[in-house]
Amino acid sequence: MSTKSHFLLALLFLNLEVFAIPAQVPLQAPETQNARKLRGRFLHITDIHPDPHYKVDASHTSSCHRNKPKKEKTRAGYYGTPFSECDSPFSLTNFTLDYLDKQWSSEIDFVVWTGDNARHDNDRALPRTTKEIYDLNRVVARRMEDAFLSKGIPVIPSLGNNDVWPHNILMPGPNSITNEYSSIWKSFIPFPSYQVFQRGAYYSAEVIPNSVAVIALNTMYFYDSNKAVGGCEYKEPQDPGNLQFDWLEVQLEMYRDRDMQVYLTGHVPPSPGNFFPECYVRYVELSLRFQDTILGHLFGHMNADHFSLIEAEDLQLPSVESSQHHLDRPHQESKYDLFDTLIRDFGDLPKSERKVDFDNYAVINVSPSVVPNPYLPSFRVFTYNTTGTPKKSIKRKHGHRHGGMGDKKTECKKEIYADTWWCKLSKPWYSDPDSPSRTNTLWSPLGYAQYNIPEKRLDSSSENRKPKYKLEYLTFPLELLHPSSEAADAKGDFAYPIPLRHLPQSLRSPNSTKMKYTPYQLPDLTIPSWVELARLLADPKEKKLRKQFREYMYMGGEEG
């Protein structure tokens, strides 16, 4: 056995022994946050996929598990194999978490961690086991504790489709899987949420006490690949997806009554192609009804870097033809790749900004993965507004209902629609143009910095040569990277949206004109800013912007 193989094997046993979860009392985020001054930033990390069977120099076609090839260029790399179907070697997992610990833990307030901490089930010769999945999750959880929680930084994990066995399948809880993760994530789950988590593997946590919460959803109960659940059908009120949405509605009402803001997070992003139809319509309705309370929607799973829009039109009754096929997806995406699908959807937006009713939209942000399968190792750091006074909710109701679109009075009398969520959602929406999701105010998301390990650096790395994470792009315009002198005097380094040491040298001067890293020029990440970017991307004349968006989506590669 080679030295490198010994190293990887030893690392596995060392990690599983040293990083086993200790018995401890569940820790609540408010207790850890009080001692820290707000930085105005948080980390989103997803899809780590560590692989204990990864072997350096193995073939790509074996998932980097065996069969040393003759051609040098097709061999598995020491720190990972870009644009392949190979998962993360422990060297990449450890390097990434060490890097985030050393370079970013002092710069952030909380961590959103959206699942998939075990390898893919993509090698029939080495089938996954439940023990392996749990062991890998324990290792990564302990690393997250050491890197962040031990420093008073709340960590909010959520369950991925590869964190269960068989992958994609999760029975209604409580069950052995929800019980196991209630132990593995015991130190992350606030005590008041513990019982709810044991039932359904979802929960909420306050990351800024009495101000901002993160709701970690279990998207396995919405995901249409999970054939162990019923798909949120209205006629099945005890379906685990419906129970989760009932709980979510209560949570959102509670946080709104407390004048708090929330992020919705989870693994599989909501879309007509990912969620069961009635799960999707419930997600859309709650997202728009509580638009004044929800700061954003953060997900993983797709690996590709992109955003999409939830729209009021998604609440329209599906066609009779699709209804007869179990109310199938209203949009067929099989003929188009993700980029083309998004551009087509953006093309349906009103051509004039004056005709856009922002009450009708929410934005889904999908972060790329740590695993270089099928792209490049990545993570994302968001910046948010910490200035101003809290926005008090206006407890009002609209003069009309927002439960959907179209002539429901007539159509909902038909048997095929009568007992579906499309015909049952009629509560007023809480939309407010002055809320943090709509205008830049206290707690509004301002922008993010996307980092990855470039292909050349990953290919050239070795046991004695570590790779480097580099800034890929920013959503900010250049002029917002440097605060005013007054802000710098008042807040010091925290006045900078991204610390200067994490920017390329060419962006560290306030006089920089380097546009390479700032393609979108978004003033903030409110709904109007995202809708305007979507409208620009829909314009065929914006060829350069479309090209950049596609390159960032696939990191210079093709759809995986």
Protein backbone atom coordinates (compact mmCIF):
# COMPACT_ATOMS: atom_id res chain seq x y z
CA MET A 1 0.00 0.00 0.00
CA SER A 2 1.40 3.43 -0.94
CA THR A 3 2.27 6.14 1.56
CA LYS A 4 -0.62 8.23 0.29
CA SER A 5 -3.05 5.35 0.74
CA HIS A 6 -1.77 4.81 4.26
CA PHE A 7 -2.22 8.52 4.87
CA LEU A 8 -5.85 8.49 3.73
CA LEU A 9 -6.68 5.33 5.67
CA ALA A 10 -5.02 6.64 8.81
CA LEU A 11 -6.83 9.92 8.41
CA LEU A 12 -10.17 8.13 8.29
CA PHE A 13 -9.58 6.24 11.54
CA LEU A 14 -8.03 9.28 13.21
CA ASN A 15 -11.00 11.46 12.35
CA LEU A 16 -13.58 8.89 13.38
CA GLU A 17 -11.85 8.39 16.72
CA VAL A 18 -10.89 11.96 17.58
CA PHE A 19 -13.99 13.64 16.21
CA ALA A 20 -16.68 11.37 17.62
CA ILE A 21 -19.56 13.45 18.98
CA PRO A 22 -19.23 13.81 22.76
CA ALA A 23 -22.21 13.69 25.09
CA GLN A 24 -23.21 17.28 25.83
CA VAL A 25 -26.18 19.51 26.57
CA PRO A 26 -27.80 21.03 23.46
CA LEU A 27 -26.49 24.54 22.90
CA GLN A 28 -28.80 27.42 22.02
CA ALA A 29 -27.56 30.08 19.62
CA PRO A 30 -28.52 33.05 21.84
CA GLU A 31 -26.13 31.84 24.55
CA THR A 32 -23.16 31.86 22.16
CA GLN A 33 -23.91 35.06 20.27
CA ASN A 34 -23.99 37.56 23.11
CA ALA A 35 -20.21 37.68 23.56
CA ARG A 36 -19.51 38.49 19.90
CA LYS A 37 -19.80 41.80 18.12
CA LEU A 38 -21.71 41.48 14.86
CA ARG A 39 -19.50 41.29 11.78
CA GLY A 40 -22.36 41.62 9.30
CA ARG A 41 -21.39 38.47 7.37
CA PHE A 42 -22.29 34.79 7.29
CA LEU A 43 -21.02 31.69 5.53
CA HIS A 44 -22.99 29.34 3.30
CA ILE A 45 -21.33 25.95 2.76
CA THR A 46 -22.92 22.93 1.12
CA ASP A 47 -22.38 19.48 -0.42
CA ILE A 48 -19.02 18.54 1.06
CA HIS A 49 -19.32 14.82 0.13
CA PRO A 50 -16.17 13.39 1.80
CA ASP A 51 -15.20 9.99 0.39
CA PRO A 52 -13.25 7.50 2.56
CA HIS A 53 -12.52 5.33 -0.52
CA TYR A 54 -10.95 8.08 -2.65
CA LYS A 55 -7.50 7.09 -3.95
CA VAL A 56 -4.95 9.40 -5.47
CA ASP A 57 -4.06 8.43 -9.06
CA ALA A 58 -7.17 6.24 -9.44
CA SER A 59 -9.28 6.50 -12.59
CA HIS A 60 -12.16 8.93 -12.98
CA THR A 61 -14.39 6.17 -14.31
CA SER A 62 -14.07 4.26 -11.03
CA SER A 63 -15.26 7.31 -9.07
CA CYS A 64 -11.58 7.70 -8.11
CA HIS A 65 -11.66 4.44 -6.17
CA ARG A 66 -9.33 2.11 -8.19
CA ASN A 67 -7.88 1.19 -11.62
CA LYS A 68 -4.81 3.36 -12.00
CA PRO A 69 -4.99 4.55 -15.63
CA LYS A 70 -2.17 4.77 -18.12
CA LYS A 71 -2.89 8.35 -19.12
CA GLU A 72 -1.61 10.80 -16.52
CA LYS A 73 -4.28 13.43 -17.20
CA THR A 74 -7.13 11.11 -16.23
CA ARG A 75 -5.81 10.32 -12.74
CA ALA A 76 -7.41 11.40 -9.47
CA GLY A 77 -5.71 14.43 -7.94
CA TYR A 78 -4.39 14.68 -4.39
CA TYR A 79 -6.83 17.43 -3.32
CA GLY A 80 -9.67 16.42 -5.62
CA THR A 81 -10.50 15.93 -9.26
CA PRO A 82 -12.27 18.86 -10.99
CA PHE A 83 -15.13 18.37 -13.43
CA SER A 84 -15.43 14.67 -12.63
CA GLU A 85 -17.80 12.24 -10.91
CA CYS A 86 -15.39 11.82 -8.00
CA ASP A 87 -16.21 13.01 -4.50
CA SER A 88 -13.99 14.88 -2.03
CA PRO A 89 -10.82 13.27 -0.68
CA PHE A 90 -10.31 13.87 3.03
CA SER A 91 -7.41 16.13 2.09
CA LEU A 92 -9.87 18.56 0.43
CA THR A 93 -12.43 18.32 3.24
CA ASN A 94 -9.82 18.98 5.91
CA PHE A 95 -8.12 21.73 3.89
CA THR A 96 -11.44 23.53 3.33
CA LEU A 97 -12.59 23.39 6.94
CA ASP A 98 -9.12 24.34 8.21
CA TYR A 99 -9.06 27.27 5.80
CA LEU A 100 -12.51 28.49 6.85
CA ASP A 101 -11.54 28.13 10.51
CA LYS A 102 -8.29 30.07 10.19
CA GLN A 103 -9.27 32.64 7.58
CA TRP A 104 -13.01 33.28 8.06
CA SER A 105 -14.23 32.27 11.52
CA SER A 106 -13.25 35.68 12.92
CA GLU A 107 -15.14 37.44 10.12
CA ILE A 108 -18.63 35.88 10.28
CA ASP A 109 -21.65 35.74 12.58
CA PHE A 110 -23.22 32.38 11.68
CA VAL A 111 -22.97 29.45 9.28
CA VAL A 112 -25.66 28.04 6.99
CA TRP A 113 -24.70 24.43 6.17
CA THR A 114 -27.09 22.78 3.74
CA GLY A 115 -26.32 19.08 3.75
CA ASP A 116 -24.77 16.14 1.88
CA ASN A 117 -21.85 15.20 4.13
CA ALA A 118 -21.45 11.66 2.82
CA ARG A 119 -20.27 10.39 -0.55
CA HIS A 120 -22.59 9.74 -3.48
CA ASP A 121 -23.91 6.24 -4.05
CA ASN A 122 -22.22 6.04 -7.46
CA ASP A 123 -20.05 2.91 -7.22
CA ARG A 124 -21.77 -0.47 -7.28
CA ALA A 125 -18.54 -2.18 -6.28
CA LEU A 126 -18.45 -0.10 -3.07
CA PRO A 127 -22.06 0.36 -1.92
CA ARG A 128 -22.64 2.82 0.89
CA THR A 129 -23.69 1.67 4.35
CA THR A 130 -25.70 3.44 7.00
CA LYS A 131 -22.71 3.29 9.35
CA GLU A 132 -20.44 4.98 6.83
CA ILE A 133 -22.97 7.77 6.24
CA TYR A 134 -23.39 8.45 9.95
CA ASP A 135 -19.64 8.24 10.63
CA LEU A 136 -18.87 10.80 7.91
CA ASN A 137 -21.56 13.12 9.22
CA ARG A 138 -20.15 12.81 12.75
CA VAL A 139 -16.68 13.74 11.52
CA VAL A 140 -17.86 16.80 9.62
CA ALA A 141 -20.16 17.87 12.48
CA ARG A 142 -17.29 17.77 14.94
CA ARG A 143 -15.11 19.78 12.57
CA MET A 144 -17.88 22.39 12.31
CA GLU A 145 -18.12 22.48 16.09
CA ASP A 146 -14.40 23.06 16.45
CA ALA A 147 -14.18 25.64 13.68
CA PHE A 148 -17.26 27.71 14.53
CA LEU A 149 -19.47 26.65 17.45
CA SER A 150 -16.56 26.63 19.88
CA LYS A 151 -16.03 30.32 19.01
CA GLY A 152 -19.64 31.27 19.66
CA ILE A 153 -20.71 31.11 15.98
CA PRO A 154 -24.08 29.39 15.45
CA VAL A 155 -24.10 26.63 12.83
CA ILE A 156 -27.39 25.67 11.17
CA PRO A 157 -27.20 22.27 9.40
CA SER A 158 -29.90 20.69 7.27
CA LEU A 159 -30.37 17.18 5.94
CA GLY A 160 -29.24 16.26 2.42
CA ASN A 161 -30.58 13.56 0.12
CA ASN A 162 -27.23 11.71 0.40
CA ASP A 163 -27.21 11.88 4.20
CA VAL A 164 -29.74 9.03 4.32
CA TRP A 165 -29.77 5.43 3.16
CA PRO A 166 -31.01 4.59 0.62
CA HIS A 167 -30.27 8.02 -0.81
CA ASN A 168 -33.37 10.11 -1.56
CA ILE A 169 -35.58 7.95 0.68
CA LEU A 170 -36.79 9.13 4.10
CA MET A 171 -39.84 7.65 5.82
CA PRO A 172 -42.14 9.79 7.97
CA GLY A 173 -40.58 10.40 11.37
CA PRO A 174 -39.77 9.89 14.07
CA ASN A 175 -37.54 7.10 12.79
CA SER A 176 -33.98 5.81 13.15
CA ILE A 177 -32.61 8.51 10.83
CA THR A 178 -34.20 11.47 12.61
CA ASN A 179 -33.13 9.97 15.93
CA GLU A 180 -29.54 9.51 14.73
CA TYR A 181 -29.21 13.09 13.47
CA SER A 182 -30.77 14.43 16.65
CA SER A 183 -27.69 12.90 18.30
CA ILE A 184 -25.13 13.87 15.63
CA TRP A 185 -26.35 17.51 15.57
CA LYS A 186 -27.23 17.74 19.24
CA SER A 187 -24.97 20.73 19.84
CA PHE A 188 -26.45 22.68 16.90
CA ILE A 189 -30.16 22.24 17.62
CA PRO A 190 -31.68 24.62 20.20
CA PHE A 191 -33.28 22.72 23.05
CA PRO A 192 -36.83 24.03 22.37
CA SER A 193 -36.59 22.62 18.82
CA TYR A 194 -35.27 19.22 19.83
CA GLN A 195 -38.57 17.34 19.95
CA VAL A 196 -39.72 18.78 16.62
CA PHE A 197 -36.40 17.76 15.07
CA GLN A 198 -36.76 14.18 16.28
CA ARG A 199 -40.13 14.01 14.54
CA GLY A 200 -39.19 15.56 11.21
CA ALA A 201 -35.51 16.71 11.07
CA TYR A 202 -36.45 20.40 10.76
CA TYR A 203 -36.10 23.20 13.29
CA SER A 204 -35.44 26.92 13.75
CA ALA A 205 -32.68 28.77 15.58
CA GLU A 206 -32.08 32.41 16.42
CA VAL A 207 -28.69 33.42 15.06
CA ILE A 208 -29.05 37.05 16.18
CA PRO A 209 -31.16 36.90 19.35
CA ASN A 210 -34.58 38.53 19.00
CA SER A 211 -33.67 39.81 15.53
CA VAL A 212 -32.77 37.14 12.94
CA ALA A 213 -33.54 33.41 12.82
CA VAL A 214 -32.68 30.63 10.39
CA ILE A 215 -35.27 27.96 9.64
CA ALA A 216 -33.64 24.70 8.52
CA LEU A 217 -36.14 22.74 6.44
CA ASN A 218 -36.08 19.02 5.76
CA THR A 219 -36.57 19.13 1.99
CA MET A 220 -36.59 15.33 1.83
CA TYR A 221 -40.31 15.52 2.63
CA PHE A 222 -40.87 17.83 -0.37
CA TYR A 223 -38.44 16.20 -2.83
CA ASP A 224 -40.21 14.30 -5.58
CA SER A 225 -37.52 11.60 -5.64
CA ASN A 226 -38.56 10.51 -2.15
CA LYS A 227 -41.16 7.83 -2.92
CA ALA A 228 -41.71 7.09 0.78
CA VAL A 229 -43.98 10.13 1.28
CA GLY A 230 -47.21 11.36 -0.24
CA GLY A 231 -46.16 14.70 -1.71
CA CYS A 232 -48.10 17.18 0.49
CA GLU A 233 -51.46 16.32 -1.05
CA TYR A 234 -54.25 18.29 0.59
CA LYS A 235 -56.31 15.16 1.20
CA GLU A 236 -53.43 13.73 3.31
CA PRO A 237 -53.09 16.17 6.23
CA GLN A 238 -50.76 13.79 8.13
CA ASP A 239 -48.31 13.55 5.24
CA PRO A 240 -44.91 14.62 6.66
CA GLY A 241 -44.59 17.37 4.06
CA ASN A 242 -47.91 18.88 5.13
CA LEU A 243 -46.99 18.61 8.81
CA GLN A 244 -43.76 20.45 8.10
CA PHE A 245 -45.54 23.24 6.23
CA ASP A 246 -48.09 23.53 9.05
CA TRP A 247 -45.17 23.93 11.47
CA LEU A 248 -43.43 26.41 9.13
CA GLU A 249 -46.55 28.58 8.95
CA VAL A 250 -46.67 28.76 12.75
CA GLN A 251 -42.95 29.62 12.89
CA LEU A 252 -43.29 32.42 10.35
CA GLU A 253 -46.30 33.88 12.15
CA MET A 254 -44.42 33.73 15.46
CA TYR A 255 -41.29 35.44 14.11
CA ARG A 256 -43.39 38.06 12.34
CA ASP A 257 -45.30 38.82 15.54
CA ARG A 258 -41.92 39.31 17.23
CA ASP A 259 -40.78 41.67 14.43
CA MET A 260 -37.96 39.29 13.55
CA GLN A 261 -36.52 38.38 10.16
CA VAL A 262 -35.73 34.85 8.94
CA TYR A 263 -33.82 32.93 6.31
CA LEU A 264 -35.35 29.75 4.92
CA THR A 265 -32.66 27.14 4.25
CA GLY A 266 -32.48 23.53 3.18
CA HIS A 267 -30.82 21.12 0.80
CA VAL A 268 -32.99 20.67 -2.30
CA PRO A 269 -34.08 24.05 -3.73
CA PRO A 270 -37.79 24.58 -4.38
CA SER A 271 -38.74 24.36 -8.05
CA PRO A 272 -41.40 22.65 -10.16
CA GLY A 273 -38.73 20.15 -11.19
CA ASN A 274 -37.56 19.30 -7.65
CA PHE A 275 -40.63 19.40 -5.39
CA PHE A 276 -43.86 17.46 -5.53
CA PRO A 277 -46.46 19.76 -7.14
CA GLU A 278 -48.53 20.36 -4.00
CA CYS A 279 -45.39 20.79 -1.88
CA TYR A 280 -44.17 23.41 -4.33
CA VAL A 281 -47.43 25.37 -4.32
CA ARG A 282 -47.42 25.44 -0.50
CA TYR A 283 -43.81 26.66 -0.47
CA VAL A 284 -44.60 29.41 -2.98
CA GLU A 285 -47.69 30.56 -1.08
CA LEU A 286 -45.88 30.79 2.28
CA SER A 287 -42.88 32.52 0.68
CA LEU A 288 -45.08 35.24 -0.82
CA ARG A 289 -47.46 35.50 2.13
CA PHE A 290 -44.55 36.16 4.50
CA GLN A 291 -42.42 38.16 2.10
CA ASP A 292 -42.02 40.94 4.70
CA THR A 293 -40.49 38.45 7.17
CA ILE A 294 -38.29 36.25 4.95
CA LEU A 295 -34.88 37.75 4.15
CA GLY A 296 -33.95 35.06 1.65
CA HIS A 297 -33.97 31.41 0.59
CA LEU A 298 -30.64 29.52 0.68
CA PHE A 299 -30.18 26.03 -0.77
CA GLY A 300 -27.60 23.60 -2.21
CA HIS A 301 -27.90 20.19 -3.93
CA MET A 302 -27.71 21.41 -7.52
CA ASN A 303 -23.94 22.05 -7.44
CA ALA A 304 -24.41 24.73 -10.11
CA ASP A 305 -24.24 28.38 -8.99
CA HIS A 306 -27.51 30.16 -9.83
CA PHE A 307 -30.64 31.90 -8.65
CA SER A 308 -34.27 31.47 -9.61
CA LEU A 309 -37.53 33.31 -8.96
CA ILE A 310 -40.65 32.16 -7.19
CA GLU A 311 -43.64 33.93 -8.72
CA ALA A 312 -47.31 34.39 -7.96
CA GLU A 313 -48.01 32.76 -11.32
CA ASP A 314 -46.75 29.51 -9.79
CA LEU A 315 -50.03 29.46 -7.83
CA GLN A 316 -52.13 29.21 -10.97
CA LEU A 317 -54.18 26.06 -11.35
CA PRO A 318 -52.34 23.46 -13.44
CA SER A 319 -53.85 22.32 -16.70
CA VAL A 320 -56.40 19.50 -16.67
CA GLU A 321 -54.01 17.41 -18.77
CA SER A 322 -51.20 17.67 -16.21
CA SER A 323 -53.69 17.17 -13.39
CA GLN A 324 -54.71 13.86 -14.86
CA HIS A 325 -51.05 12.84 -14.61
CA HIS A 326 -50.98 13.35 -10.83
CA LEU A 327 -50.80 17.13 -11.20
CA ASP A 328 -47.43 16.81 -12.85
CA ARG A 329 -44.87 19.58 -13.12
CA PRO A 330 -46.26 22.67 -14.79
CA HIS A 331 -42.98 23.34 -16.60
CA GLN A 332 -41.22 20.62 -18.55
CA GLU A 333 -37.45 21.10 -18.28
CA SER A 334 -36.18 17.92 -19.93
CA LYS A 335 -35.47 19.55 -23.30
CA TYR A 336 -33.42 22.40 -21.80
CA ASP A 337 -30.40 22.61 -19.55
CA LEU A 338 -30.56 24.66 -16.38
CA PHE A 339 -29.17 27.82 -17.97
CA ASP A 340 -31.65 27.77 -20.85
CA THR A 341 -34.54 27.05 -18.49
CA LEU A 342 -33.68 30.03 -16.28
CA ILE A 343 -33.26 32.39 -19.23
CA ARG A 344 -36.65 31.30 -20.59
CA ASP A 345 -38.27 31.85 -17.17
CA PHE A 346 -36.63 35.28 -16.82
CA GLY A 347 -37.98 36.12 -20.27
CA ASP A 348 -41.54 35.89 -18.89
CA LEU A 349 -40.95 38.88 -16.59
CA PRO A 350 -42.64 42.18 -17.49
CA LYS A 351 -40.59 44.09 -20.05
CA SER A 352 -41.01 47.36 -18.19
CA GLU A 353 -39.79 47.75 -14.63
CA ARG A 354 -42.79 49.97 -13.90
CA LYS A 355 -45.09 47.01 -14.53
CA VAL A 356 -43.33 44.74 -12.01
CA ASP A 357 -45.34 44.10 -8.86
CA PHE A 358 -42.64 43.03 -6.42
CA ASP A 359 -45.27 41.57 -4.07
CA ASN A 360 -45.37 38.64 -6.51
CA TYR A 361 -41.74 37.47 -6.22
CA ALA A 362 -39.23 35.73 -3.98
CA VAL A 363 -35.64 34.75 -4.81
CA ILE A 364 -34.03 31.32 -4.41
CA ASN A 365 -30.21 31.39 -4.07
CA VAL A 366 -28.44 28.11 -4.84
CA SER A 367 -24.81 27.90 -3.75
CA PRO A 368 -22.28 25.66 -5.51
CA SER A 369 -20.63 22.81 -3.63
CA VAL A 370 -17.38 22.03 -1.88
CA VAL A 371 -17.14 18.73 -3.76
CA PRO A 372 -15.57 19.10 -7.24
CA ASN A 373 -18.29 16.87 -8.66
CA PRO A 374 -18.96 18.02 -11.30
CA TYR A 375 -17.40 21.48 -10.97
CA LEU A 376 -14.91 23.13 -8.55
CA PRO A 377 -14.66 23.36 -4.73
CA SER A 378 -16.59 26.45 -3.59
CA PHE A 379 -18.07 28.37 -0.67
CA ARG A 380 -19.94 31.66 -0.34
CA VAL A 381 -19.81 34.54 2.16
CA PHE A 382 -22.83 36.85 2.44
CA THR A 383 -22.80 40.39 3.81
CA TYR A 384 -25.86 41.95 5.45
CA ASN A 385 -26.87 45.35 6.80
CA THR A 386 -26.28 45.89 10.54
CA THR A 387 -27.16 49.58 10.64
CA GLY A 388 -30.45 51.35 11.28
CA THR A 389 -33.37 50.59 13.54
CA PRO A 390 -35.57 47.48 13.49
CA LYS A 391 -38.52 47.58 11.12
CA LYS A 392 -41.83 47.13 12.91
CA SER A 393 -44.34 45.06 10.98
CA ILE A 394 -47.49 46.80 9.89
CA LYS A 395 -50.28 44.53 11.11
CA ARG A 396 -52.59 45.10 8.19
CA LYS A 397 -54.47 42.99 5.71
CA HIS A 398 -54.78 43.67 2.03
CA GLY A 399 -58.17 44.53 0.63
CA HIS A 400 -58.12 41.42 -1.55
CA ARG A 401 -56.95 37.84 -1.29
CA HIS A 402 -53.68 36.67 -2.81
CA GLY A 403 -54.28 32.94 -2.79
CA GLY A 404 -53.49 32.47 -6.47
CA MET A 405 -54.33 33.49 -10.00
CA GLY A 406 -57.17 32.82 -12.38
CA ASP A 407 -60.89 32.07 -12.02
CA LYS A 408 -60.78 29.71 -9.06
CA LYS A 409 -64.43 30.08 -8.14
CA THR A 410 -65.41 28.16 -11.22
CA GLU A 411 -62.43 25.83 -11.63
CA CYS A 412 -62.28 24.78 -7.98
CA LYS A 413 -65.75 23.29 -8.23
CA LYS A 414 -64.31 20.63 -10.51
CA GLU A 415 -63.57 17.37 -8.77
CA ILE A 416 -59.99 17.25 -10.04
CA TYR A 417 -59.10 20.55 -8.30
CA ALA A 418 -61.51 20.75 -5.36
CA ASP A 419 -59.34 18.94 -2.81
CA THR A 420 -55.94 20.40 -3.76
CA TRP A 421 -53.88 23.14 -2.18
CA TRP A 422 -54.38 25.35 -5.25
CA CYS A 423 -58.00 25.81 -4.16
CA LYS A 424 -57.38 26.10 -0.41
CA LEU A 425 -54.79 28.91 -0.19
CA SER A 426 -56.57 32.22 0.27
CA LYS A 427 -55.02 34.01 3.25
CA PRO A 428 -53.86 37.63 2.84
CA TRP A 429 -50.22 38.29 2.11
CA TYR A 430 -47.90 40.33 4.32
CA SER A 431 -45.96 42.32 1.77
CA ASP A 432 -44.34 45.66 2.53
CA PRO A 433 -42.07 47.66 0.17
CA ASP A 434 -40.15 48.92 3.21
CA SER A 435 -39.36 45.44 4.58
CA PRO A 436 -35.71 44.26 4.56
CA SER A 437 -36.37 41.85 1.69
CA ARG A 438 -37.56 44.74 -0.49
CA THR A 439 -35.41 47.73 0.41
CA ASN A 440 -31.95 48.13 1.91
CA THR A 441 -32.45 48.53 5.64
CA LEU A 442 -31.43 46.78 8.86
CA TRP A 443 -30.79 43.02 8.25
CA SER A 444 -31.14 43.26 4.45
CA PRO A 445 -28.74 41.00 2.52
CA LEU A 446 -26.29 43.28 0.70
CA GLY A 447 -24.18 40.97 -1.44
CA TYR A 448 -21.92 37.96 -1.46
CA ALA A 449 -18.41 36.89 -2.41
CA GLN A 450 -18.05 33.57 -4.23
CA TYR A 451 -14.79 31.66 -3.75
CA ASN A 452 -13.46 28.53 -5.43
CA ILE A 453 -10.26 26.63 -6.12
CA PRO A 454 -9.47 27.23 -9.81
CA GLU A 455 -8.97 24.16 -11.97
CA LYS A 456 -5.26 24.80 -12.55
CA ARG A 457 -4.57 25.15 -8.83
CA LEU A 458 -6.47 21.97 -8.03
CA ASP A 459 -4.73 20.04 -10.80
CA SER A 460 -1.26 21.21 -9.73
CA SER A 461 -1.75 20.58 -6.00
CA SER A 462 0.01 17.69 -4.29
CA GLU A 463 0.85 16.33 -0.87
CA ASN A 464 3.51 19.02 -0.55
CA ARG A 465 1.69 21.78 -2.42
CA LYS A 466 -1.64 22.96 -1.05
CA PRO A 467 -4.27 24.54 -3.31
CA LYS A 468 -5.68 28.02 -2.72
CA TYR A 469 -9.22 29.33 -2.60
CA LYS A 470 -9.54 32.41 -4.79
CA LEU A 471 -12.27 35.01 -5.25
CA GLU A 472 -14.33 34.05 -8.29
CA TYR A 473 -16.71 37.04 -8.32
CA LEU A 474 -18.67 39.53 -6.23
CA THR A 475 -22.25 40.72 -6.55
CA PHE A 476 -21.25 44.18 -5.28
CA PRO A 477 -20.37 47.16 -7.50
CA LEU A 478 -16.81 48.41 -7.10
CA GLU A 479 -17.81 51.57 -5.24
CA LEU A 480 -19.41 49.59 -2.39
CA LEU A 481 -16.28 47.57 -1.61
CA HIS A 482 -14.76 50.50 0.29
CA PRO A 483 -16.72 52.25 3.06
CA SER A 484 -16.78 55.96 3.71
CA SER A 485 -14.12 57.29 6.06
CA GLU A 486 -16.82 57.91 8.69
CA ALA A 487 -18.03 54.30 8.52
CA ALA A 488 -14.46 53.00 8.62
CA ASP A 489 -13.73 55.10 11.70
CA ALA A 490 -16.88 53.86 13.44
CA LYS A 491 -16.76 50.15 12.55
CA GLY A 492 -13.13 49.52 11.58
CA ASP A 493 -12.58 46.39 9.48
CA PHE A 494 -16.25 45.39 9.86
CA ALA A 495 -17.24 48.41 7.75
CA TYR A 496 -15.87 46.61 4.69
CA PRO A 497 -18.39 44.25 3.10
CA ILE A 498 -15.54 41.86 2.32
CA PRO A 499 -12.30 42.13 4.34
CA LEU A 500 -9.55 43.61 2.17
CA ARG A 501 -7.25 40.66 2.82
CA HIS A 502 -9.81 38.40 1.10
CA LEU A 503 -9.85 40.52 -2.05
CA PRO A 504 -7.40 40.32 -4.96
CA GLN A 505 -4.72 43.01 -4.85
CA SER A 506 -6.38 44.77 -7.78
CA LEU A 507 -9.53 45.45 -5.70
CA ARG A 508 -7.91 46.64 -2.47
CA SER A 509 -7.60 50.25 -3.58
CA PRO A 510 -10.69 52.50 -3.40
CA ASN A 511 -9.64 53.83 -6.80
CA SER A 512 -9.77 50.41 -8.47
CA THR A 513 -11.45 50.20 -11.88
CA LYS A 514 -10.99 46.44 -12.22
CA MET A 515 -14.42 45.16 -13.34
CA LYS A 516 -13.37 41.53 -13.78
CA TYR A 517 -14.74 40.44 -10.41
CA THR A 518 -17.91 42.57 -10.34
CA PRO A 519 -20.13 41.50 -13.25
CA TYR A 520 -23.57 42.07 -11.69
CA GLN A 521 -23.13 45.45 -9.97
CA LEU A 522 -26.05 44.78 -7.62
CA PRO A 523 -26.61 47.56 -5.05
CA ASP A 524 -27.98 44.92 -2.62
CA LEU A 525 -29.66 41.51 -2.65
CA THR A 526 -33.24 42.69 -2.19
CA ILE A 527 -36.00 41.30 -4.40
CA PRO A 528 -36.05 44.33 -6.77
CA SER A 529 -32.30 43.99 -7.38
CA TRP A 530 -32.58 40.29 -8.25
CA VAL A 531 -35.62 40.85 -10.48
CA GLU A 532 -33.77 43.58 -12.36
CA LEU A 533 -30.79 41.25 -12.89
CA ALA A 534 -33.18 38.56 -14.15
CA ARG A 535 -34.73 41.07 -16.57
CA LEU A 536 -31.27 42.00 -17.88
CA LEU A 537 -30.35 38.34 -18.36
CA ALA A 538 -33.56 37.86 -20.34
CA ASP A 539 -32.48 40.58 -22.80
CA PRO A 540 -30.82 38.95 -25.86
CA LYS A 541 -28.69 42.09 -26.24
CA GLU A 542 -26.95 41.37 -22.92
CA LYS A 543 -24.69 38.73 -24.45
CA LYS A 544 -21.68 39.49 -22.22
CA LEU A 545 -23.76 39.32 -19.03
CA ARG A 546 -25.39 36.05 -20.13
CA LYS A 547 -21.99 34.57 -20.92
CA GLN A 548 -20.65 35.51 -17.49
CA PHE A 549 -23.74 34.13 -15.75
CA ARG A 550 -23.33 30.81 -17.56
CA GLU A 551 -19.60 30.63 -16.84
CA TYR A 552 -20.21 31.19 -13.14
CA MET A 553 -23.05 28.67 -13.12
CA TYR A 554 -20.85 25.86 -14.45
CA MET A 555 -17.45 27.34 -13.42
CA GLY A 556 -16.19 27.21 -16.98
CA GLY A 557 -17.43 23.66 -17.56
CA GLU A 558 -20.69 22.26 -18.85
CA GLU A 559 -23.89 21.20 -17.10
CA GLY A 560 -23.19 18.16 -14.95
